[in-house]
Amino acid sequence: MALGAAYAYAYAKGDLSGAAVVAALVVSRWLLDAIVHVPDLPLMPGAGPMVGLGLWQSKAATLAVEIPIFAAGVWLYARATRAKDKAGSYGLMGLVGFLALIHLGNFFGDPPAIAWVGQAQWLLVAWAYWVDAHRDTRH
């Protein structure tokens, strides 16, 4: 999958270094999934043994791993960018707070609430895109 995504990116953009980043992102996502999933992830598409450490089976362990990963991601993004205006500053704080609330709601909530958030995920992507448009990379 990582090589396919990297090839598609390189073909579309003509950017080999960007393609390497795309490949690394796909692999890192799979590794993070392997930590939390029960053994249901194949080593190769459609073949191989199924892997997964099953972290989701323990709420305490899940929180102990997912909260620091979320915090590290927010810290890295905030460190690599700077707000162009108040929308870039307050929008990011609002998005991070809302994502934290959604995570807690999913964690402690009931399945219908989780389903509604799942259906509205495209709104979170639009919100993140809007926030990012109000931020610049630091040089």
N, C-alpha and C. Protein backbone atom coordinates (compact mmCIF):
# COMPACT_ATOMS: atom_id res chain seq x y z
N MET A 1 0.81 -1.19 0.00
CA MET A 1 0.00 0.00 0.00
C MET A 1 0.86 1.26 0.00
N ALA A 2 1.90 1.26 0.81
CA ALA A 2 2.75 2.45 0.91
C ALA A 2 3.42 2.75 -0.42
N LEU A 3 3.90 1.70 -1.09
CA LEU A 3 4.54 1.92 -2.39
C LEU A 3 3.54 2.38 -3.43
N GLY A 4 2.33 1.84 -3.40
CA GLY A 4 1.29 2.27 -4.33
C GLY A 4 0.91 3.72 -4.13
N ALA A 5 0.75 4.13 -2.87
CA ALA A 5 0.42 5.52 -2.57
C ALA A 5 1.56 6.44 -2.97
N ALA A 6 2.79 6.02 -2.71
CA ALA A 6 3.95 6.84 -3.08
C ALA A 6 4.06 6.97 -4.60
N TYR A 7 3.83 5.86 -5.31
CA TYR A 7 3.89 5.90 -6.77
C TYR A 7 2.81 6.84 -7.32
N ALA A 8 1.60 6.75 -6.80
CA ALA A 8 0.52 7.62 -7.27
C ALA A 8 0.85 9.08 -7.02
N TYR A 9 1.41 9.38 -5.85
CA TYR A 9 1.78 10.76 -5.54
C TYR A 9 2.90 11.24 -6.46
N ALA A 10 3.92 10.42 -6.64
CA ALA A 10 5.03 10.80 -7.51
C ALA A 10 4.56 11.01 -8.94
N TYR A 11 3.66 10.15 -9.40
CA TYR A 11 3.13 10.29 -10.76
C TYR A 11 2.31 11.57 -10.91
N ALA A 12 1.49 11.87 -9.90
CA ALA A 12 0.62 13.05 -9.98
C ALA A 12 1.38 14.35 -9.78
N LYS A 13 2.35 14.35 -8.89
CA LYS A 13 3.04 15.59 -8.52
C LYS A 13 4.46 15.71 -9.06
N GLY A 14 5.06 14.58 -9.44
CA GLY A 14 6.44 14.61 -9.89
C GLY A 14 7.42 14.95 -8.79
N ASP A 15 7.09 14.61 -7.56
CA ASP A 15 7.88 14.98 -6.39
C ASP A 15 8.29 13.71 -5.65
N LEU A 16 9.54 13.28 -5.84
CA LEU A 16 10.00 12.04 -5.22
C LEU A 16 10.15 12.16 -3.71
N SER A 17 10.61 13.32 -3.22
CA SER A 17 10.75 13.45 -1.77
C SER A 17 9.36 13.47 -1.11
N GLY A 18 8.41 14.10 -1.75
CA GLY A 18 7.04 14.06 -1.24
C GLY A 18 6.47 12.65 -1.27
N ALA A 19 6.81 11.89 -2.31
CA ALA A 19 6.36 10.51 -2.41
C ALA A 19 6.94 9.66 -1.27
N ALA A 20 8.18 9.94 -0.89
CA ALA A 20 8.79 9.21 0.24
C ALA A 20 8.06 9.54 1.54
N VAL A 21 7.65 10.78 1.70
CA VAL A 21 6.89 11.18 2.89
C VAL A 21 5.54 10.46 2.90
N VAL A 22 4.87 10.40 1.75
CA VAL A 22 3.59 9.70 1.66
C VAL A 22 3.75 8.23 2.05
N ALA A 23 4.78 7.58 1.54
CA ALA A 23 5.04 6.18 1.88
C ALA A 23 5.26 6.03 3.38
N ALA A 24 6.04 6.93 3.96
CA ALA A 24 6.31 6.86 5.41
C ALA A 24 5.02 7.07 6.21
N LEU A 25 4.17 7.96 5.74
CA LEU A 25 2.90 8.19 6.45
C LEU A 25 2.01 6.96 6.41
N VAL A 26 1.95 6.29 5.26
CA VAL A 26 1.13 5.08 5.16
C VAL A 26 1.66 4.00 6.09
N VAL A 27 2.97 3.81 6.10
CA VAL A 27 3.57 2.79 6.97
C VAL A 27 3.34 3.15 8.44
N SER A 28 3.52 4.42 8.80
CA SER A 28 3.33 4.80 10.20
C SER A 28 1.88 4.62 10.62
N ARG A 29 0.95 4.90 9.73
CA ARG A 29 -0.46 4.68 10.05
C ARG A 29 -0.73 3.20 10.29
N TRP A 30 -0.16 2.34 9.46
CA TRP A 30 -0.35 0.91 9.64
C TRP A 30 0.24 0.46 10.97
N LEU A 31 1.43 0.97 11.31
CA LEU A 31 2.05 0.59 12.58
C LEU A 31 1.20 1.03 13.77
N LEU A 32 0.65 2.24 13.70
CA LEU A 32 -0.22 2.70 14.78
C LEU A 32 -1.48 1.84 14.87
N ASP A 33 -2.05 1.48 13.72
CA ASP A 33 -3.21 0.58 13.72
C ASP A 33 -2.86 -0.77 14.31
N ALA A 34 -1.67 -1.28 14.00
CA ALA A 34 -1.25 -2.59 14.51
C ALA A 34 -1.15 -2.59 16.03
N ILE A 35 -0.86 -1.45 16.61
CA ILE A 35 -0.77 -1.37 18.07
C ILE A 35 -2.14 -1.51 18.71
N VAL A 36 -3.16 -0.91 18.13
CA VAL A 36 -4.47 -0.85 18.79
C VAL A 36 -5.43 -1.93 18.33
N HIS A 37 -5.34 -2.40 17.11
CA HIS A 37 -6.27 -3.42 16.60
C HIS A 37 -6.01 -4.78 17.22
N VAL A 38 -7.08 -5.59 17.26
CA VAL A 38 -6.90 -7.01 17.52
C VAL A 38 -6.27 -7.59 16.26
N PRO A 39 -5.76 -8.82 16.29
CA PRO A 39 -5.10 -9.36 15.09
C PRO A 39 -6.05 -9.49 13.89
N ASP A 40 -6.23 -8.38 13.18
CA ASP A 40 -7.07 -8.38 11.98
C ASP A 40 -6.44 -7.61 10.82
N LEU A 41 -5.16 -7.22 10.97
CA LEU A 41 -4.47 -6.47 9.93
C LEU A 41 -3.49 -7.39 9.19
N PRO A 42 -3.67 -7.54 7.87
CA PRO A 42 -2.74 -8.41 7.13
C PRO A 42 -1.40 -7.72 6.93
N LEU A 43 -0.35 -8.52 6.87
CA LEU A 43 0.98 -7.97 6.59
C LEU A 43 1.07 -7.46 5.16
N MET A 44 0.33 -8.10 4.25
CA MET A 44 0.26 -7.67 2.86
C MET A 44 -1.21 -7.68 2.46
N PRO A 45 -1.59 -6.80 1.53
CA PRO A 45 -2.99 -6.80 1.11
C PRO A 45 -3.45 -8.18 0.63
N GLY A 46 -4.43 -8.73 1.30
CA GLY A 46 -5.03 -10.00 0.89
C GLY A 46 -4.22 -11.23 1.22
N ALA A 47 -3.12 -11.10 1.95
CA ALA A 47 -2.28 -12.28 2.22
C ALA A 47 -1.54 -12.11 3.53
N GLY A 48 -0.95 -13.20 3.96
CA GLY A 48 -0.09 -13.16 5.14
C GLY A 48 -0.86 -13.31 6.43
N PRO A 49 -0.10 -13.46 7.52
CA PRO A 49 -0.74 -13.58 8.82
C PRO A 49 -1.36 -12.25 9.26
N MET A 50 -2.36 -12.35 10.08
CA MET A 50 -3.01 -11.17 10.63
C MET A 50 -2.29 -10.76 11.91
N VAL A 51 -2.07 -9.45 12.07
CA VAL A 51 -1.35 -8.96 13.23
C VAL A 51 -2.16 -7.89 13.95
N GLY A 52 -1.80 -7.64 15.17
CA GLY A 52 -2.43 -6.62 15.99
C GLY A 52 -2.21 -6.93 17.46
N LEU A 53 -1.88 -5.91 18.23
CA LEU A 53 -1.59 -6.11 19.65
C LEU A 53 -2.83 -6.00 20.54
N GLY A 54 -3.92 -5.48 20.01
CA GLY A 54 -5.18 -5.46 20.77
C GLY A 54 -5.24 -4.45 21.88
N LEU A 55 -4.55 -3.33 21.75
CA LEU A 55 -4.55 -2.32 22.80
C LEU A 55 -5.96 -1.83 23.14
N TRP A 56 -6.85 -1.80 22.14
CA TRP A 56 -8.21 -1.32 22.37
C TRP A 56 -8.98 -2.17 23.38
N GLN A 57 -8.47 -3.33 23.70
CA GLN A 57 -9.16 -4.18 24.67
C GLN A 57 -9.00 -3.67 26.09
N SER A 58 -8.12 -2.71 26.31
CA SER A 58 -7.92 -2.10 27.62
C SER A 58 -8.11 -0.59 27.50
N LYS A 59 -9.13 -0.06 28.17
CA LYS A 59 -9.38 1.38 28.10
C LYS A 59 -8.22 2.18 28.70
N ALA A 60 -7.68 1.73 29.80
CA ALA A 60 -6.58 2.45 30.44
C ALA A 60 -5.34 2.47 29.54
N ALA A 61 -5.01 1.34 28.95
CA ALA A 61 -3.85 1.28 28.07
C ALA A 61 -4.08 2.12 26.82
N THR A 62 -5.30 2.10 26.30
CA THR A 62 -5.62 2.91 25.13
C THR A 62 -5.40 4.38 25.42
N LEU A 63 -5.92 4.87 26.53
CA LEU A 63 -5.74 6.27 26.89
C LEU A 63 -4.27 6.59 27.15
N ALA A 64 -3.56 5.68 27.77
CA ALA A 64 -2.15 5.91 28.08
C ALA A 64 -1.30 6.05 26.82
N VAL A 65 -1.72 5.44 25.72
CA VAL A 65 -0.97 5.53 24.47
C VAL A 65 -1.53 6.62 23.55
N GLU A 66 -2.86 6.68 23.40
CA GLU A 66 -3.45 7.60 22.43
C GLU A 66 -3.35 9.07 22.84
N ILE A 67 -3.48 9.38 24.11
CA ILE A 67 -3.41 10.79 24.53
C ILE A 67 -2.02 11.37 24.28
N PRO A 68 -0.94 10.69 24.64
CA PRO A 68 0.38 11.25 24.31
C PRO A 68 0.63 11.36 22.80
N ILE A 69 0.13 10.42 22.01
CA ILE A 69 0.31 10.51 20.56
C ILE A 69 -0.44 11.72 20.01
N PHE A 70 -1.66 11.93 20.47
CA PHE A 70 -2.44 13.10 20.05
C PHE A 70 -1.73 14.39 20.47
N ALA A 71 -1.28 14.44 21.71
CA ALA A 71 -0.58 15.63 22.21
C ALA A 71 0.71 15.89 21.42
N ALA A 72 1.44 14.84 21.10
CA ALA A 72 2.67 15.01 20.32
C ALA A 72 2.36 15.53 18.92
N GLY A 73 1.29 15.04 18.31
CA GLY A 73 0.91 15.52 16.99
C GLY A 73 0.52 16.99 17.01
N VAL A 74 -0.24 17.39 18.01
CA VAL A 74 -0.62 18.80 18.15
C VAL A 74 0.62 19.65 18.39
N TRP A 75 1.50 19.19 19.25
CA TRP A 75 2.72 19.94 19.56
C TRP A 75 3.58 20.10 18.30
N LEU A 76 3.76 19.02 17.54
CA LEU A 76 4.57 19.09 16.32
C LEU A 76 3.97 20.07 15.32
N TYR A 77 2.64 20.01 15.14
CA TYR A 77 1.99 20.92 14.19
C TYR A 77 2.11 22.37 14.67
N ALA A 78 1.85 22.60 15.93
CA ALA A 78 1.92 23.97 16.46
C ALA A 78 3.35 24.51 16.39
N ARG A 79 4.32 23.65 16.57
CA ARG A 79 5.72 24.06 16.51
C ARG A 79 6.17 24.34 15.08
N ALA A 80 5.61 23.60 14.12
CA ALA A 80 6.02 23.74 12.72
C ALA A 80 5.27 24.85 12.00
N THR A 81 4.22 25.38 12.60
CA THR A 81 3.44 26.42 11.96
C THR A 81 3.26 27.60 12.91
N ARG A 82 2.80 28.71 12.34
CA ARG A 82 2.45 29.87 13.17
C ARG A 82 1.18 30.47 12.61
N ALA A 83 0.38 31.04 13.48
CA ALA A 83 -0.89 31.63 13.07
C ALA A 83 -0.65 32.89 12.26
N LYS A 84 -1.39 33.04 11.16
CA LYS A 84 -1.34 34.27 10.38
C LYS A 84 -2.24 35.33 11.01
N ASP A 85 -3.27 34.87 11.68
CA ASP A 85 -4.27 35.76 12.25
C ASP A 85 -4.96 35.05 13.42
N LYS A 86 -5.97 35.69 13.99
CA LYS A 86 -6.68 35.09 15.14
C LYS A 86 -7.39 33.80 14.75
N ALA A 87 -7.86 33.71 13.51
CA ALA A 87 -8.53 32.48 13.06
C ALA A 87 -7.55 31.31 13.11
N GLY A 88 -6.31 31.55 12.75
CA GLY A 88 -5.29 30.49 12.80
C GLY A 88 -4.94 30.09 14.21
N SER A 89 -5.07 31.01 15.15
CA SER A 89 -4.76 30.71 16.54
C SER A 89 -5.95 30.08 17.26
N TYR A 90 -7.06 30.81 17.28
CA TYR A 90 -8.24 30.31 17.99
C TYR A 90 -8.89 29.13 17.28
N GLY A 91 -8.79 29.13 15.94
CA GLY A 91 -9.34 28.00 15.20
C GLY A 91 -8.63 26.70 15.54
N LEU A 92 -7.30 26.76 15.67
CA LEU A 92 -6.54 25.57 16.05
C LEU A 92 -6.91 25.12 17.46
N MET A 93 -6.98 26.08 18.38
CA MET A 93 -7.35 25.71 19.76
C MET A 93 -8.74 25.07 19.80
N GLY A 94 -9.67 25.64 19.05
CA GLY A 94 -11.02 25.09 19.00
C GLY A 94 -11.05 23.70 18.40
N LEU A 95 -10.32 23.50 17.32
CA LEU A 95 -10.28 22.20 16.67
C LEU A 95 -9.67 21.14 17.59
N VAL A 96 -8.56 21.49 18.22
CA VAL A 96 -7.91 20.53 19.13
C VAL A 96 -8.83 20.19 20.29
N GLY A 97 -9.47 21.20 20.87
CA GLY A 97 -10.42 20.95 21.96
C GLY A 97 -11.58 20.08 21.53
N PHE A 98 -12.13 20.38 20.34
CA PHE A 98 -13.26 19.60 19.84
C PHE A 98 -12.85 18.15 19.55
N LEU A 99 -11.67 17.96 18.96
CA LEU A 99 -11.19 16.60 18.71
C LEU A 99 -10.98 15.83 20.01
N ALA A 100 -10.50 16.52 21.04
CA ALA A 100 -10.34 15.86 22.35
C ALA A 100 -11.69 15.45 22.92
N LEU A 101 -12.68 16.34 22.80
CA LEU A 101 -14.03 16.01 23.28
C LEU A 101 -14.62 14.84 22.50
N ILE A 102 -14.42 14.83 21.19
CA ILE A 102 -14.92 13.71 20.39
C ILE A 102 -14.26 12.41 20.82
N HIS A 103 -12.96 12.45 21.06
CA HIS A 103 -12.26 11.24 21.48
C HIS A 103 -12.82 10.72 22.80
N LEU A 104 -13.01 11.62 23.73
CA LEU A 104 -13.58 11.19 25.02
C LEU A 104 -15.02 10.70 24.86
N GLY A 105 -15.78 11.38 24.00
CA GLY A 105 -17.15 10.94 23.74
C GLY A 105 -17.19 9.56 23.10
N ASN A 106 -16.30 9.32 22.16
CA ASN A 106 -16.22 7.99 21.54
C ASN A 106 -15.79 6.94 22.54
N PHE A 107 -14.89 7.34 23.40
CA PHE A 107 -14.34 6.41 24.37
C PHE A 107 -15.36 6.00 25.43
N PHE A 108 -16.13 6.99 25.91
CA PHE A 108 -17.07 6.72 26.99
C PHE A 108 -18.52 6.73 26.53
N GLY A 109 -18.76 7.09 25.26
CA GLY A 109 -20.12 7.23 24.77
C GLY A 109 -20.72 5.92 24.30
N ASP A 110 -21.95 6.04 23.80
CA ASP A 110 -22.65 4.87 23.29
C ASP A 110 -22.53 4.84 21.76
N PRO A 111 -22.77 3.68 21.15
CA PRO A 111 -22.58 3.54 19.71
C PRO A 111 -23.34 4.54 18.82
N PRO A 112 -24.59 4.93 19.13
CA PRO A 112 -25.23 5.91 18.23
C PRO A 112 -24.47 7.24 18.16
N ALA A 113 -23.93 7.70 19.28
CA ALA A 113 -23.17 8.95 19.27
C ALA A 113 -21.91 8.79 18.43
N ILE A 114 -21.25 7.67 18.54
CA ILE A 114 -20.05 7.40 17.77
C ILE A 114 -20.39 7.39 16.28
N ALA A 115 -21.52 6.81 15.92
CA ALA A 115 -21.93 6.75 14.51
C ALA A 115 -22.16 8.14 13.94
N TRP A 116 -22.78 9.03 14.72
CA TRP A 116 -23.03 10.39 14.23
C TRP A 116 -21.72 11.14 14.00
N VAL A 117 -20.77 10.99 14.89
CA VAL A 117 -19.47 11.63 14.70
C VAL A 117 -18.79 11.06 13.46
N GLY A 118 -18.88 9.76 13.27
CA GLY A 118 -18.30 9.14 12.09
C GLY A 118 -18.88 9.69 10.80
N GLN A 119 -20.18 9.94 10.80
CA GLN A 119 -20.83 10.49 9.60
C GLN A 119 -20.42 11.93 9.35
N ALA A 120 -20.03 12.65 10.38
CA ALA A 120 -19.69 14.07 10.24
C ALA A 120 -18.19 14.33 10.14
N GLN A 121 -17.40 13.29 9.92
CA GLN A 121 -15.95 13.47 9.88
C GLN A 121 -15.50 14.41 8.78
N TRP A 122 -16.23 14.48 7.69
CA TRP A 122 -15.84 15.38 6.61
C TRP A 122 -15.85 16.83 7.09
N LEU A 123 -16.70 17.15 8.07
CA LEU A 123 -16.70 18.50 8.63
C LEU A 123 -15.39 18.79 9.37
N LEU A 124 -14.84 17.79 10.02
CA LEU A 124 -13.56 17.97 10.71
C LEU A 124 -12.43 18.21 9.72
N VAL A 125 -12.48 17.53 8.59
CA VAL A 125 -11.47 17.74 7.56
C VAL A 125 -11.57 19.17 7.03
N ALA A 126 -12.80 19.64 6.78
CA ALA A 126 -12.99 21.01 6.30
C ALA A 126 -12.51 22.02 7.34
N TRP A 127 -12.79 21.77 8.61
CA TRP A 127 -12.35 22.65 9.68
C TRP A 127 -10.83 22.70 9.73
N ALA A 128 -10.19 21.53 9.67
CA ALA A 128 -8.72 21.47 9.70
C ALA A 128 -8.12 22.18 8.48
N TYR A 129 -8.74 22.04 7.34
CA TYR A 129 -8.27 22.72 6.12
C TYR A 129 -8.37 24.23 6.31
N TRP A 130 -9.46 24.68 6.88
CA TRP A 130 -9.67 26.12 7.13
C TRP A 130 -8.62 26.64 8.11
N VAL A 131 -8.39 25.90 9.19
CA VAL A 131 -7.38 26.32 10.17
C VAL A 131 -6.01 26.39 9.51
N ASP A 132 -5.67 25.37 8.72
CA ASP A 132 -4.36 25.34 8.09
C ASP A 132 -4.18 26.49 7.10
N ALA A 133 -5.26 26.93 6.47
CA ALA A 133 -5.19 28.07 5.56
C ALA A 133 -4.87 29.36 6.30
N HIS A 134 -5.09 29.38 7.61
CA HIS A 134 -4.81 30.56 8.43
C HIS A 134 -3.51 30.41 9.21
N ARG A 135 -2.67 29.47 8.77
CA ARG A 135 -1.38 29.26 9.42
C ARG A 135 -0.29 29.17 8.34
N ASP A 136 0.91 29.55 8.68
CA ASP A 136 2.08 29.46 7.80
C ASP A 136 3.08 28.52 8.42
N THR A 137 3.92 27.94 7.58
CA THR A 137 5.00 27.12 8.11
C THR A 137 6.09 28.03 8.65
N ARG A 138 6.74 27.57 9.69
CA ARG A 138 7.88 28.31 10.24
C ARG A 138 9.11 27.94 9.43
N HIS A 139 9.96 28.90 9.24
CA HIS A 139 11.19 28.64 8.47
C HIS A 139 12.40 28.67 9.35
